[in-house]
Amino acid sequence: MASVTAPILAITMSDDEIGTVPAIRRTLRCYTGAQRTAVLLHPGHMGRPEVGHFSLFHDSHAAGFWIDTLFWLRDGINPWPGRTFAL
């Protein structure tokens, strides 16, 4: 994993029981050759009471989260710059 040099934007939800902040930190430490950014989102940011681990892949997020994610994939722009956390 140290040979990966592509920038990484890791996103977790505050109510994600699998991809927790400590888990994201541990995983990203392995990618020493990449610029790494981690973002913590809350369900309320999306107008929802809960999101969890898999809900971001539900098509109900197509007009919000998915579009925001395209900014990163297409342009390398973090759409959540104020929600990053330290690695």
Protein backbone atom coordinates (compact mmCIF):
# COMPACT_ATOMS: atom_id res chain seq x y z
CA MET A 1 0.00 0.00 0.00
CA ALA A 2 2.96 2.32 0.48
CA SER A 3 3.45 2.38 -3.30
CA VAL A 4 0.05 4.02 -3.90
CA THR A 5 0.67 7.65 -4.82
CA ALA A 6 -2.83 8.77 -5.86
CA PRO A 7 -4.49 11.22 -3.48
CA ILE A 8 -6.95 9.56 -1.10
CA LEU A 9 -10.13 11.09 0.32
CA ALA A 10 -11.56 8.82 3.01
CA ILE A 11 -15.08 9.56 4.21
CA THR A 12 -16.81 8.20 7.28
CA MET A 13 -20.11 8.89 8.95
CA SER A 14 -20.38 9.68 12.65
CA ASP A 15 -22.82 6.77 13.02
CA ASP A 16 -20.74 4.25 11.04
CA GLU A 17 -20.00 1.32 13.33
CA ILE A 18 -17.48 -0.24 10.92
CA GLY A 19 -15.58 2.65 9.32
CA THR A 20 -14.96 4.52 12.54
CA VAL A 21 -12.53 7.42 12.85
CA PRO A 22 -9.92 5.16 14.53
CA ALA A 23 -10.37 2.56 11.76
CA ILE A 24 -9.93 5.20 9.05
CA ARG A 25 -6.80 6.50 10.77
CA ARG A 26 -5.30 2.98 11.03
CA THR A 27 -6.04 2.22 7.39
CA LEU A 28 -4.70 5.49 6.02
CA ARG A 29 -1.44 5.10 7.93
CA CYS A 30 -0.61 2.28 5.50
CA TYR A 31 -0.75 4.61 2.48
CA THR A 32 2.45 6.49 3.23
CA GLY A 33 3.10 7.43 -0.41
CA ALA A 34 -0.24 9.16 -0.91
CA GLN A 35 -1.65 12.51 0.10
CA ARG A 36 -4.37 11.46 2.55
CA THR A 37 -7.41 13.40 3.65
CA ALA A 38 -10.11 12.12 6.00
CA VAL A 39 -13.61 13.57 6.37
CA LEU A 40 -16.20 12.98 9.08
CA LEU A 41 -19.80 13.61 8.05
CA HIS A 42 -22.87 13.53 10.26
CA PRO A 43 -26.32 12.30 9.17
CA GLY A 44 -27.69 15.77 9.91
CA HIS A 45 -25.43 17.19 7.18
CA MET A 46 -27.60 15.21 4.79
CA GLY A 47 -30.87 15.93 6.49
CA ARG A 48 -31.15 12.40 7.84
CA PRO A 49 -31.47 10.93 11.30
CA GLU A 50 -29.03 8.11 10.43
CA VAL A 51 -26.82 6.95 7.58
CA GLY A 52 -24.54 4.23 8.94
CA HIS A 53 -22.01 2.25 6.90
CA PHE A 54 -23.79 1.31 3.67
CA SER A 55 -26.53 3.91 3.21
CA LEU A 56 -24.34 6.35 1.27
CA PHE A 57 -24.51 3.87 -1.63
CA HIS A 58 -28.32 4.03 -1.69
CA ASP A 59 -29.71 5.92 -4.68
CA SER A 60 -31.47 8.34 -2.34
CA HIS A 61 -28.06 10.07 -2.05
CA ALA A 62 -27.64 10.41 -5.84
CA ALA A 63 -28.53 14.11 -5.94
CA GLY A 64 -26.39 15.01 -2.91
CA PHE A 65 -23.50 12.87 -1.70
CA TRP A 66 -22.89 11.24 -5.08
CA ILE A 67 -22.68 14.59 -6.87
CA ASP A 68 -20.39 15.97 -4.16
CA THR A 69 -18.16 12.91 -4.54
CA LEU A 70 -17.82 13.60 -8.27
CA PHE A 71 -16.05 16.88 -7.43
CA TRP A 72 -13.31 14.79 -5.83
CA LEU A 73 -13.19 12.12 -8.51
CA ARG A 74 -13.31 14.53 -11.44
CA ASP A 75 -11.49 17.62 -10.13
CA GLY A 76 -9.63 16.56 -6.98
CA ILE A 77 -11.66 19.04 -4.93
CA ASN A 78 -12.67 18.00 -1.42
CA PRO A 79 -16.35 19.03 -1.20
CA TRP A 80 -16.17 18.90 2.62
CA PRO A 81 -13.02 20.91 3.50
CA GLY A 82 -14.41 22.06 6.85
CA ARG A 83 -15.11 18.52 8.00
CA THR A 84 -11.66 16.97 7.86
CA PHE A 85 -10.05 15.34 10.86
CA ALA A 86 -6.44 14.80 11.82
CA LEU A 87 -4.77 11.53 10.96
